[in-house]
Amino acid sequence: MGTVLEVRIPRLQREGFMLKEIAFRVEAGYLTALLGVNGAGKTTLLSAVSGLLPLPEEAEIVIGGYPVRENEKEAKECMGFVFEDSPFDEAISAGFTGEMYGPYYRNWDAKRYKELLERFEVPERRAIRKLSKGMKMKFQLAFALSHGASLLLMDEPAAALDPVFREEFMEIVSEVLAEESCGILLSSQLVSELEARADYTVLLHQGEQMFFGSTEELLDRFLLVRGRQELFSYMKSRILGTRRSEYAAEGLILNDGEPVRLNLECVRPGLEDILYYIKQGVIRKGMVI
């Protein structure tokens, strides 16, 4: 199916906060993680993509091949949502939600919706408010997949779930991606759990895009060196930033191919490490793009 989302936002001002220099895409069959510390701009960006914020003239968002500005209805039909807080009326059941809202979508498939509810073990007749957090996530996913969404926006879909249920939910997500009919943009604070699953990563910091590309490419860009603090003085020019514990120290360096000759442990950082050093100001935009 190819590209299901293209985003280009040079600048977007909102209540004293600004997004700037945003440019990325989401491909069908792939999971793209949207990451950043609190206040980075993730929610603002998702609001812009989902149409909840007006776009400035110079911005462009294309969903499922439809430019939002010229083909808003068609573009929005290509989107599905899985949010921590369900956007649906929770007083009614999952089954009745399909009957009421499904026909608004031209590609609505009632049979598929029923099959997915059964597969995900979501009770059809129970009021949504009486469903567990995990069931609400599955219900939203079933609805999105039943109207042919090519782009799934997920905002903290598993934040309130226990580890076992989170793993089950992400396995379902992997199965959906394997069909290659849609792509996923997922924002989450559960960074370590996303690390092995995210094909691509968009990094935001203070409203600015720091990185977009392969998650593996991002993690391979740096190395963590660990050992005795006094050894770091011999490679001071290479160390971008440090983090100390009671017994040892850690330094972040660029993985530029130059060997580390001292008696220091070298390991690849995780996404949580990258976010930590971005917050400390030692990873700057030019280092990761």
C-alpha atoms as a PDB file:
ATOM      1  CA  MET A   1       0.000   0.000   0.000  1.00  0.00           C
ATOM      2  CA  GLY A   2       2.988   2.323   0.485  1.00  0.00           C
ATOM      3  CA  THR A   3       2.850   5.597   2.380  1.00  0.00           C
ATOM      4  CA  VAL A   4      -0.316   6.102   4.471  1.00  0.00           C
ATOM      5  CA  LEU A   5       0.657   9.366   6.185  1.00  0.00           C
ATOM      6  CA  GLU A   6       2.847  12.271   5.133  1.00  0.00           C
ATOM      7  CA  VAL A   7       3.349  15.190   7.500  1.00  0.00           C
ATOM      8  CA  ARG A   8       5.101  18.482   6.819  1.00  0.00           C
ATOM      9  CA  ILE A   9       4.596  21.228   9.385  1.00  0.00           C
ATOM     10  CA  PRO A  10       7.204  24.012   9.238  1.00  0.00           C
ATOM     11  CA  ARG A  11       5.515  25.830  12.154  1.00  0.00           C
ATOM     12  CA  LEU A  12       2.312  25.470  14.148  1.00  0.00           C
ATOM     13  CA  GLN A  13       1.556  27.802  17.072  1.00  0.00           C
ATOM     14  CA  ARG A  14      -0.861  26.728  19.811  1.00  0.00           C
ATOM     15  CA  GLU A  15      -1.438  28.541  23.111  1.00  0.00           C
ATOM     16  CA  GLY A  16       2.166  29.531  23.703  1.00  0.00           C
ATOM     17  CA  PHE A  17       3.572  26.248  22.335  1.00  0.00           C
ATOM     18  CA  MET A  18       5.091  25.794  18.884  1.00  0.00           C
ATOM     19  CA  LEU A  19       5.708  22.765  16.702  1.00  0.00           C
ATOM     20  CA  LYS A  20       8.483  23.398  14.201  1.00  0.00           C
ATOM     21  CA  GLU A  21      10.318  21.630  11.416  1.00  0.00           C
ATOM     22  CA  ILE A  22       8.125  18.510  11.507  1.00  0.00           C
ATOM     23  CA  ALA A  23       8.504  16.208   8.504  1.00  0.00           C
ATOM     24  CA  PHE A  24       7.952  12.444   8.542  1.00  0.00           C
ATOM     25  CA  ARG A  25       5.849   9.669   7.011  1.00  0.00           C
ATOM     26  CA  VAL A  26       4.215   6.396   8.045  1.00  0.00           C
ATOM     27  CA  GLU A  27       4.316   3.335   5.802  1.00  0.00           C
ATOM     28  CA  ALA A  28       1.754   0.541   5.583  1.00  0.00           C
ATOM     29  CA  GLY A  29       2.861  -2.542   7.464  1.00  0.00           C
ATOM     30  CA  TYR A  30       5.135  -0.615   9.813  1.00  0.00           C
ATOM     31  CA  LEU A  31       4.935   0.784  13.342  1.00  0.00           C
ATOM     32  CA  THR A  32       6.252   4.308  13.798  1.00  0.00           C
ATOM     33  CA  ALA A  33       6.827   5.395  17.409  1.00  0.00           C
ATOM     34  CA  LEU A  34       6.221   9.021  18.376  1.00  0.00           C
ATOM     35  CA  LEU A  35       8.474   9.676  21.365  1.00  0.00           C
ATOM     36  CA  GLY A  36       9.531  12.541  23.602  1.00  0.00           C
ATOM     37  CA  VAL A  37       9.536  13.538  27.252  1.00  0.00           C
ATOM     38  CA  ASN A  38       6.439  15.201  28.703  1.00  0.00           C
ATOM     39  CA  GLY A  39       5.830  18.530  27.004  1.00  0.00           C
ATOM     40  CA  ALA A  40       7.697  17.544  23.837  1.00  0.00           C
ATOM     41  CA  GLY A  41       4.634  18.140  21.637  1.00  0.00           C
ATOM     42  CA  LYS A  42       3.356  14.619  20.983  1.00  0.00           C
ATOM     43  CA  THR A  43      -0.280  15.383  21.822  1.00  0.00           C
ATOM     44  CA  THR A  44      -0.204  18.610  19.818  1.00  0.00           C
ATOM     45  CA  LEU A  45       1.180  16.752  16.804  1.00  0.00           C
ATOM     46  CA  LEU A  46      -1.432  13.984  17.055  1.00  0.00           C
ATOM     47  CA  SER A  47      -4.145  16.639  17.354  1.00  0.00           C
ATOM     48  CA  ALA A  48      -2.882  18.281  14.165  1.00  0.00           C
ATOM     49  CA  VAL A  49      -2.791  14.980  12.270  1.00  0.00           C
ATOM     50  CA  SER A  50      -6.262  13.969  13.447  1.00  0.00           C
ATOM     51  CA  GLY A  51      -7.791  17.308  12.392  1.00  0.00           C
ATOM     52  CA  LEU A  52      -8.438  18.728  15.855  1.00  0.00           C
ATOM     53  CA  LEU A  53      -6.160  21.718  15.185  1.00  0.00           C
ATOM     54  CA  PRO A  54      -6.356  24.058  12.180  1.00  0.00           C
ATOM     55  CA  LEU A  55      -3.287  23.864   9.973  1.00  0.00           C
ATOM     56  CA  PRO A  56      -1.314  26.925   8.872  1.00  0.00           C
ATOM     57  CA  GLU A  57      -1.119  27.575   5.133  1.00  0.00           C
ATOM     58  CA  GLU A  58       2.414  26.233   4.775  1.00  0.00           C
ATOM     59  CA  ALA A  59       1.626  22.912   6.495  1.00  0.00           C
ATOM     60  CA  GLU A  60       0.622  19.787   4.586  1.00  0.00           C
ATOM     61  CA  ILE A  61      -0.818  16.491   5.807  1.00  0.00           C
ATOM     62  CA  VAL A  62      -1.710  13.658   3.422  1.00  0.00           C
ATOM     63  CA  ILE A  63      -3.586  10.605   4.727  1.00  0.00           C
ATOM     64  CA  GLY A  64      -4.167   7.568   2.540  1.00  0.00           C
ATOM     65  CA  GLY A  65      -3.163   9.626  -0.486  1.00  0.00           C
ATOM     66  CA  TYR A  66      -5.688  12.403   0.279  1.00  0.00           C
ATOM     67  CA  PRO A  67      -4.436  15.900   1.171  1.00  0.00           C
ATOM     68  CA  VAL A  68      -6.374  16.915   4.280  1.00  0.00           C
ATOM     69  CA  ARG A  69      -6.842  20.492   3.123  1.00  0.00           C
ATOM     70  CA  GLU A  70      -8.493  19.550  -0.188  1.00  0.00           C
ATOM     71  CA  ASN A  71     -10.069  16.182   0.704  1.00  0.00           C
ATOM     72  CA  GLU A  72     -10.817  16.316   4.411  1.00  0.00           C
ATOM     73  CA  LYS A  73     -13.713  13.819   4.380  1.00  0.00           C
ATOM     74  CA  GLU A  74     -11.815  11.188   2.381  1.00  0.00           C
ATOM     75  CA  ALA A  75      -8.676  11.664   4.491  1.00  0.00           C
ATOM     76  CA  LYS A  76     -10.538  11.262   7.769  1.00  0.00           C
ATOM     77  CA  GLU A  77     -12.200   8.081   6.538  1.00  0.00           C
ATOM     78  CA  CYS A  78      -8.700   6.621   6.203  1.00  0.00           C
ATOM     79  CA  MET A  79      -7.952   7.215   9.899  1.00  0.00           C
ATOM     80  CA  GLY A  80      -8.700   5.007  12.876  1.00  0.00           C
ATOM     81  CA  PHE A  81      -8.098   5.811  16.545  1.00  0.00           C
ATOM     82  CA  VAL A  82      -7.044   3.845  19.612  1.00  0.00           C
ATOM     83  CA  PHE A  83      -6.771   6.262  22.552  1.00  0.00           C
ATOM     84  CA  GLU A  84      -6.348   5.807  26.288  1.00  0.00           C
ATOM     85  CA  ASP A  85      -9.658   7.659  26.712  1.00  0.00           C
ATOM     86  CA  SER A  86     -12.265   6.260  24.316  1.00  0.00           C
ATOM     87  CA  PRO A  87     -13.801   8.913  22.025  1.00  0.00           C
ATOM     88  CA  PHE A  88     -17.063   6.926  21.794  1.00  0.00           C
ATOM     89  CA  ASP A  89     -20.235   7.248  23.869  1.00  0.00           C
ATOM     90  CA  GLU A  90     -19.516   4.879  26.756  1.00  0.00           C
ATOM     91  CA  ALA A  91     -23.164   4.550  27.762  1.00  0.00           C
ATOM     92  CA  ILE A  92     -23.881   2.276  24.790  1.00  0.00           C
ATOM     93  CA  SER A  93     -22.507  -1.154  23.901  1.00  0.00           C
ATOM     94  CA  ALA A  94     -19.761  -2.046  21.448  1.00  0.00           C
ATOM     95  CA  GLY A  95     -22.330  -3.742  19.220  1.00  0.00           C
ATOM     96  CA  PHE A  96     -24.661  -0.748  19.143  1.00  0.00           C
ATOM     97  CA  THR A  97     -21.682   1.570  18.518  1.00  0.00           C
ATOM     98  CA  GLY A  98     -21.057  -0.307  15.298  1.00  0.00           C
ATOM     99  CA  GLU A  99     -24.704  -0.055  14.275  1.00  0.00           C
ATOM    100  CA  MET A 100     -24.849   3.664  15.053  1.00  0.00           C
ATOM    101  CA  TYR A 101     -21.507   4.982  13.817  1.00  0.00           C
ATOM    102  CA  GLY A 102     -20.320   2.361  11.365  1.00  0.00           C
ATOM    103  CA  PRO A 103     -22.562   3.398   8.456  1.00  0.00           C
ATOM    104  CA  TYR A 104     -20.998   6.876   8.471  1.00  0.00           C
ATOM    105  CA  TYR A 105     -17.988   5.227   6.822  1.00  0.00           C
ATOM    106  CA  ARG A 106     -18.383   4.252   3.195  1.00  0.00           C
ATOM    107  CA  ASN A 107     -16.202   1.126   3.644  1.00  0.00           C
ATOM    108  CA  TRP A 108     -17.854  -0.062   6.841  1.00  0.00           C
ATOM    109  CA  ASP A 109     -17.893  -3.860   7.124  1.00  0.00           C
ATOM    110  CA  ALA A 110     -20.384  -4.935   9.822  1.00  0.00           C
ATOM    111  CA  LYS A 111     -19.521  -8.599   9.409  1.00  0.00           C
ATOM    112  CA  ARG A 112     -15.811  -7.968   9.938  1.00  0.00           C
ATOM    113  CA  TYR A 113     -16.586  -5.831  12.991  1.00  0.00           C
ATOM    114  CA  LYS A 114     -18.583  -8.632  14.582  1.00  0.00           C
ATOM    115  CA  GLU A 115     -15.837 -11.127  13.779  1.00  0.00           C
ATOM    116  CA  LEU A 116     -13.165  -8.890  15.305  1.00  0.00           C
ATOM    117  CA  LEU A 117     -15.161  -8.313  18.485  1.00  0.00           C
ATOM    118  CA  GLU A 118     -15.459 -12.077  18.847  1.00  0.00           C
ATOM    119  CA  ARG A 119     -11.784 -12.618  18.080  1.00  0.00           C
ATOM    120  CA  PHE A 120     -10.729  -9.977  20.618  1.00  0.00           C
ATOM    121  CA  GLU A 121     -13.266 -11.364  23.129  1.00  0.00           C
ATOM    122  CA  VAL A 122     -15.053  -8.016  23.497  1.00  0.00           C
ATOM    123  CA  PRO A 123     -18.656  -8.438  24.800  1.00  0.00           C
ATOM    124  CA  GLU A 124     -21.030  -6.989  22.204  1.00  0.00           C
ATOM    125  CA  ARG A 125     -23.900  -6.153  24.530  1.00  0.00           C
ATOM    126  CA  ARG A 126     -22.058  -4.703  27.517  1.00  0.00           C
ATOM    127  CA  ALA A 127     -21.907  -0.892  27.909  1.00  0.00           C
ATOM    128  CA  ILE A 128     -18.470   0.402  26.969  1.00  0.00           C
ATOM    129  CA  ARG A 129     -18.059   2.064  30.366  1.00  0.00           C
ATOM    130  CA  LYS A 130     -18.291  -1.389  31.966  1.00  0.00           C
ATOM    131  CA  LEU A 131     -15.454  -2.791  29.860  1.00  0.00           C
ATOM    132  CA  SER A 132     -11.959  -3.087  31.282  1.00  0.00           C
ATOM    133  CA  LYS A 133      -9.261  -0.716  29.992  1.00  0.00           C
ATOM    134  CA  GLY A 134      -7.856  -3.499  27.841  1.00  0.00           C
ATOM    135  CA  MET A 135     -11.237  -4.355  26.355  1.00  0.00           C
ATOM    136  CA  LYS A 136     -11.790  -0.691  25.474  1.00  0.00           C
ATOM    137  CA  MET A 137      -8.511  -0.694  23.542  1.00  0.00           C
ATOM    138  CA  LYS A 138      -9.515  -3.842  21.654  1.00  0.00           C
ATOM    139  CA  PHE A 139     -12.967  -2.417  20.928  1.00  0.00           C
ATOM    140  CA  GLN A 140     -11.479   0.744  19.404  1.00  0.00           C
ATOM    141  CA  LEU A 141      -9.060  -1.330  17.332  1.00  0.00           C
ATOM    142  CA  ALA A 142     -11.896  -3.544  16.057  1.00  0.00           C
ATOM    143  CA  PHE A 143     -13.907  -0.473  15.026  1.00  0.00           C
ATOM    144  CA  ALA A 144     -10.946   1.123  13.219  1.00  0.00           C
ATOM    145  CA  LEU A 145     -10.119  -2.049  11.304  1.00  0.00           C
ATOM    146  CA  SER A 146     -13.745  -2.494  10.253  1.00  0.00           C
ATOM    147  CA  HIS A 147     -13.984   0.716   8.261  1.00  0.00           C
ATOM    148  CA  GLY A 148     -10.825   0.067   6.265  1.00  0.00           C
ATOM    149  CA  ALA A 149      -8.547   2.552   8.034  1.00  0.00           C
ATOM    150  CA  SER A 150      -5.132   2.697   6.399  1.00  0.00           C
ATOM    151  CA  LEU A 151      -3.682   4.799   9.233  1.00  0.00           C
ATOM    152  CA  LEU A 152      -4.091   3.979  12.923  1.00  0.00           C
ATOM    153  CA  LEU A 153      -3.309   6.726  15.441  1.00  0.00           C
ATOM    154  CA  MET A 154      -2.598   5.348  18.894  1.00  0.00           C
ATOM    155  CA  ASP A 155      -2.102   7.624  21.906  1.00  0.00           C
ATOM    156  CA  GLU A 156      -0.995   5.749  25.047  1.00  0.00           C
ATOM    157  CA  PRO A 157      -3.132   2.721  24.089  1.00  0.00           C
ATOM    158  CA  ALA A 158      -1.598   0.405  26.680  1.00  0.00           C
ATOM    159  CA  ALA A 159      -0.562   2.817  29.438  1.00  0.00           C
ATOM    160  CA  ALA A 160      -3.131   1.621  31.964  1.00  0.00           C
ATOM    161  CA  LEU A 161      -2.846  -2.088  31.150  1.00  0.00           C
ATOM    162  CA  ASP A 162      -0.965  -4.700  33.135  1.00  0.00           C
ATOM    163  CA  PRO A 163       2.206  -6.131  31.513  1.00  0.00           C
ATOM    164  CA  VAL A 164       0.523  -9.362  30.368  1.00  0.00           C
ATOM    165  CA  PHE A 165      -2.349  -7.512  28.690  1.00  0.00           C
ATOM    166  CA  ARG A 166       0.084  -5.011  27.131  1.00  0.00           C
ATOM    167  CA  GLU A 167       1.980  -7.868  25.564  1.00  0.00           C
ATOM    168  CA  GLU A 168      -1.257  -9.406  24.264  1.00  0.00           C
ATOM    169  CA  PHE A 169      -2.369  -6.075  22.809  1.00  0.00           C
ATOM    170  CA  MET A 170       0.981  -5.523  21.061  1.00  0.00           C
ATOM    171  CA  GLU A 171       0.827  -9.029  19.610  1.00  0.00           C
ATOM    172  CA  ILE A 172      -2.525  -8.103  18.063  1.00  0.00           C
ATOM    173  CA  VAL A 173      -0.949  -4.919  16.713  1.00  0.00           C
ATOM    174  CA  SER A 174       1.846  -6.994  15.147  1.00  0.00           C
ATOM    175  CA  GLU A 175      -0.726  -9.257  13.482  1.00  0.00           C
ATOM    176  CA  VAL A 176      -2.518  -6.208  12.075  1.00  0.00           C
ATOM    177  CA  LEU A 177       0.731  -4.836  10.650  1.00  0.00           C
ATOM    178  CA  ALA A 178       1.587  -8.201   9.107  1.00  0.00           C
ATOM    179  CA  GLU A 179      -1.448  -7.815   6.835  1.00  0.00           C
ATOM    180  CA  GLU A 180       0.285  -4.697   5.382  1.00  0.00           C
ATOM    181  CA  SER A 181      -3.014  -2.891   4.828  1.00  0.00           C
ATOM    182  CA  CYS A 182      -2.357  -0.114   7.341  1.00  0.00           C
ATOM    183  CA  GLY A 183       0.421   1.703   9.170  1.00  0.00           C
ATOM    184  CA  ILE A 184       0.500   2.811  12.802  1.00  0.00           C
ATOM    185  CA  LEU A 185       1.681   5.999  14.483  1.00  0.00           C
ATOM    186  CA  LEU A 186       1.899   5.241  18.209  1.00  0.00           C
ATOM    187  CA  SER A 187       2.700   7.663  21.024  1.00  0.00           C
ATOM    188  CA  SER A 188       3.639   6.118  24.368  1.00  0.00           C
ATOM    189  CA  GLN A 189       5.640   6.662  27.535  1.00  0.00           C
ATOM    190  CA  LEU A 190       6.313   2.902  27.672  1.00  0.00           C
ATOM    191  CA  VAL A 191       9.471   3.469  25.700  1.00  0.00           C
ATOM    192  CA  SER A 192      11.368   0.300  26.567  1.00  0.00           C
ATOM    193  CA  GLU A 193       8.466  -1.896  25.450  1.00  0.00           C
ATOM    194  CA  LEU A 194       8.287  -0.105  22.104  1.00  0.00           C
ATOM    195  CA  GLU A 195      11.979  -0.441  21.395  1.00  0.00           C
ATOM    196  CA  ALA A 196      11.875  -3.936  19.913  1.00  0.00           C
ATOM    197  CA  ARG A 197       8.652  -3.306  17.980  1.00  0.00           C
ATOM    198  CA  ALA A 198       9.000   0.155  16.446  1.00  0.00           C
ATOM    199  CA  ASP A 199      10.317   0.032  12.896  1.00  0.00           C
ATOM    200  CA  TYR A 200      10.681   3.815  12.747  1.00  0.00           C
ATOM    201  CA  THR A 201      10.907   6.542  15.376  1.00  0.00           C
ATOM    202  CA  VAL A 202       9.929  10.209  15.406  1.00  0.00           C
ATOM    203  CA  LEU A 203      11.692  12.055  18.238  1.00  0.00           C
ATOM    204  CA  LEU A 204      10.302  15.353  19.491  1.00  0.00           C
ATOM    205  CA  HIS A 205      11.851  17.746  21.987  1.00  0.00           C
ATOM    206  CA  GLN A 206      10.404  21.110  22.971  1.00  0.00           C
ATOM    207  CA  GLY A 207       8.185  21.063  19.884  1.00  0.00           C
ATOM    208  CA  GLU A 208      10.994  20.363  17.421  1.00  0.00           C
ATOM    209  CA  GLN A 209      11.603  17.167  15.500  1.00  0.00           C
ATOM    210  CA  MET A 210      14.999  15.809  16.522  1.00  0.00           C
ATOM    211  CA  PHE A 211      14.947  12.651  14.422  1.00  0.00           C
ATOM    212  CA  PHE A 212      12.931  10.600  11.981  1.00  0.00           C
ATOM    213  CA  GLY A 213      14.185   7.321  10.619  1.00  0.00           C
ATOM    214  CA  SER A 214      14.863   3.683  11.398  1.00  0.00           C
ATOM    215  CA  THR A 215      14.856   2.888  15.119  1.00  0.00           C
ATOM    216  CA  GLU A 216      17.916   0.695  14.598  1.00  0.00           C
ATOM    217  CA  GLU A 217      19.704   3.556  12.854  1.00  0.00           C
ATOM    218  CA  LEU A 218      18.992   5.838  15.819  1.00  0.00           C
ATOM    219  CA  LEU A 219      20.230   3.365  18.423  1.00  0.00           C
ATOM    220  CA  ASP A 220      23.341   2.530  16.407  1.00  0.00           C
ATOM    221  CA  ARG A 221      24.307   6.216  16.292  1.00  0.00           C
ATOM    222  CA  PHE A 222      25.587   6.202  19.891  1.00  0.00           C
ATOM    223  CA  LEU A 223      27.416   4.054  22.450  1.00  0.00           C
ATOM    224  CA  LEU A 224      27.282   3.980  26.230  1.00  0.00           C
ATOM    225  CA  VAL A 225      30.622   3.473  27.975  1.00  0.00           C
ATOM    226  CA  ARG A 226      30.526   2.328  31.596  1.00  0.00           C
ATOM    227  CA  GLY A 227      33.201   1.920  34.215  1.00  0.00           C
ATOM    228  CA  ARG A 228      35.303   3.866  36.687  1.00  0.00           C
ATOM    229  CA  GLN A 229      34.822   7.626  36.529  1.00  0.00           C
ATOM    230  CA  GLU A 230      38.572   8.332  36.498  1.00  0.00           C
ATOM    231  CA  LEU A 231      38.954   6.515  33.170  1.00  0.00           C
ATOM    232  CA  PHE A 232      36.640   9.029  31.477  1.00  0.00           C
ATOM    233  CA  SER A 233      39.262  11.784  31.748  1.00  0.00           C
ATOM    234  CA  TYR A 234      41.320   9.965  29.082  1.00  0.00           C
ATOM    235  CA  MET A 235      38.498  10.284  26.533  1.00  0.00           C
ATOM    236  CA  LYS A 236      37.042  13.609  27.641  1.00  0.00           C
ATOM    237  CA  SER A 237      36.881  14.952  24.069  1.00  0.00           C
ATOM    238  CA  ARG A 238      34.580  12.095  22.970  1.00  0.00           C
ATOM    239  CA  ILE A 239      32.106  12.092  25.855  1.00  0.00           C
ATOM    240  CA  LEU A 240      28.909  14.012  25.159  1.00  0.00           C
ATOM    241  CA  GLY A 241      27.366  13.581  28.600  1.00  0.00           C
ATOM    242  CA  THR A 242      27.583  11.450  31.719  1.00  0.00           C
ATOM    243  CA  ARG A 243      25.337   9.788  34.250  1.00  0.00           C
ATOM    244  CA  ARG A 244      26.671   8.648  37.624  1.00  0.00           C
ATOM    245  CA  SER A 245      25.616   6.026  40.127  1.00  0.00           C
ATOM    246  CA  GLU A 246      27.057   5.157  43.541  1.00  0.00           C
ATOM    247  CA  TYR A 247      29.435   2.561  42.135  1.00  0.00           C
ATOM    248  CA  ALA A 248      30.154   3.488  38.520  1.00  0.00           C
ATOM    249  CA  ALA A 249      29.710   6.092  35.825  1.00  0.00           C
ATOM    250  CA  GLU A 250      28.281   6.093  32.337  1.00  0.00           C
ATOM    251  CA  GLY A 251      29.189   8.225  29.371  1.00  0.00           C
ATOM    252  CA  LEU A 252      27.499   8.730  26.011  1.00  0.00           C
ATOM    253  CA  ILE A 253      29.674   8.904  22.906  1.00  0.00           C
ATOM    254  CA  LEU A 254      29.068   8.915  19.170  1.00  0.00           C
ATOM    255  CA  ASN A 255      29.470   5.505  17.539  1.00  0.00           C
ATOM    256  CA  ASP A 256      31.923   6.812  14.938  1.00  0.00           C
ATOM    257  CA  GLY A 257      33.930   3.627  14.475  1.00  0.00           C
ATOM    258  CA  GLU A 258      36.823   4.749  16.663  1.00  0.00           C
ATOM    259  CA  PRO A 259      37.624   2.024  19.218  1.00  0.00           C
ATOM    260  CA  VAL A 260      37.432   2.543  22.968  1.00  0.00           C
ATOM    261  CA  ARG A 261      40.807   1.329  24.180  1.00  0.00           C
ATOM    262  CA  LEU A 262      40.292   1.707  27.897  1.00  0.00           C
ATOM    263  CA  ASN A 263      38.904  -0.922  30.262  1.00  0.00           C
ATOM    264  CA  LEU A 264      35.339   0.330  29.794  1.00  0.00           C
ATOM    265  CA  GLU A 265      32.192  -1.615  28.956  1.00  0.00           C
ATOM    266  CA  CYS A 266      30.607  -0.488  25.673  1.00  0.00           C
ATOM    267  CA  VAL A 267      26.921  -1.125  25.000  1.00  0.00           C
ATOM    268  CA  ARG A 268      24.299   0.183  22.626  1.00  0.00           C
ATOM    269  CA  PRO A 269      21.877   2.609  24.305  1.00  0.00           C
ATOM    270  CA  GLY A 270      18.133   2.067  24.492  1.00  0.00           C
ATOM    271  CA  LEU A 271      15.458   4.556  23.550  1.00  0.00           C
ATOM    272  CA  GLU A 272      15.062   5.556  27.201  1.00  0.00           C
ATOM    273  CA  ASP A 273      18.767   6.416  27.313  1.00  0.00           C
ATOM    274  CA  ILE A 274      18.426   8.523  24.164  1.00  0.00           C
ATOM    275  CA  LEU A 275      15.512  10.451  25.679  1.00  0.00           C
ATOM    276  CA  TYR A 276      17.453  10.990  28.920  1.00  0.00           C
ATOM    277  CA  TYR A 277      20.420  12.533  27.111  1.00  0.00           C
ATOM    278  CA  ILE A 278      18.188  14.627  24.871  1.00  0.00           C
ATOM    279  CA  LYS A 279      16.529  16.039  27.982  1.00  0.00           C
ATOM    280  CA  GLN A 280      19.971  16.787  29.438  1.00  0.00           C
ATOM    281  CA  GLY A 281      20.763  18.759  26.294  1.00  0.00           C
ATOM    282  CA  VAL A 282      23.792  16.707  25.242  1.00  0.00           C
ATOM    283  CA  ILE A 283      22.139  15.168  22.161  1.00  0.00           C
ATOM    284  CA  ARG A 284      21.376  17.925  19.701  1.00  0.00           C
ATOM    285  CA  LYS A 285      19.430  17.816  16.472  1.00  0.00           C
ATOM    286  CA  GLY A 286      22.429  17.632  14.147  1.00  0.00           C
ATOM    287  CA  MET A 287      23.748  14.534  15.877  1.00  0.00           C
ATOM    288  CA  VAL A 288      20.815  12.303  15.011  1.00  0.00           C
ATOM    289  CA  ILE A 289      19.622  13.535  11.612  1.00  0.00           C
END
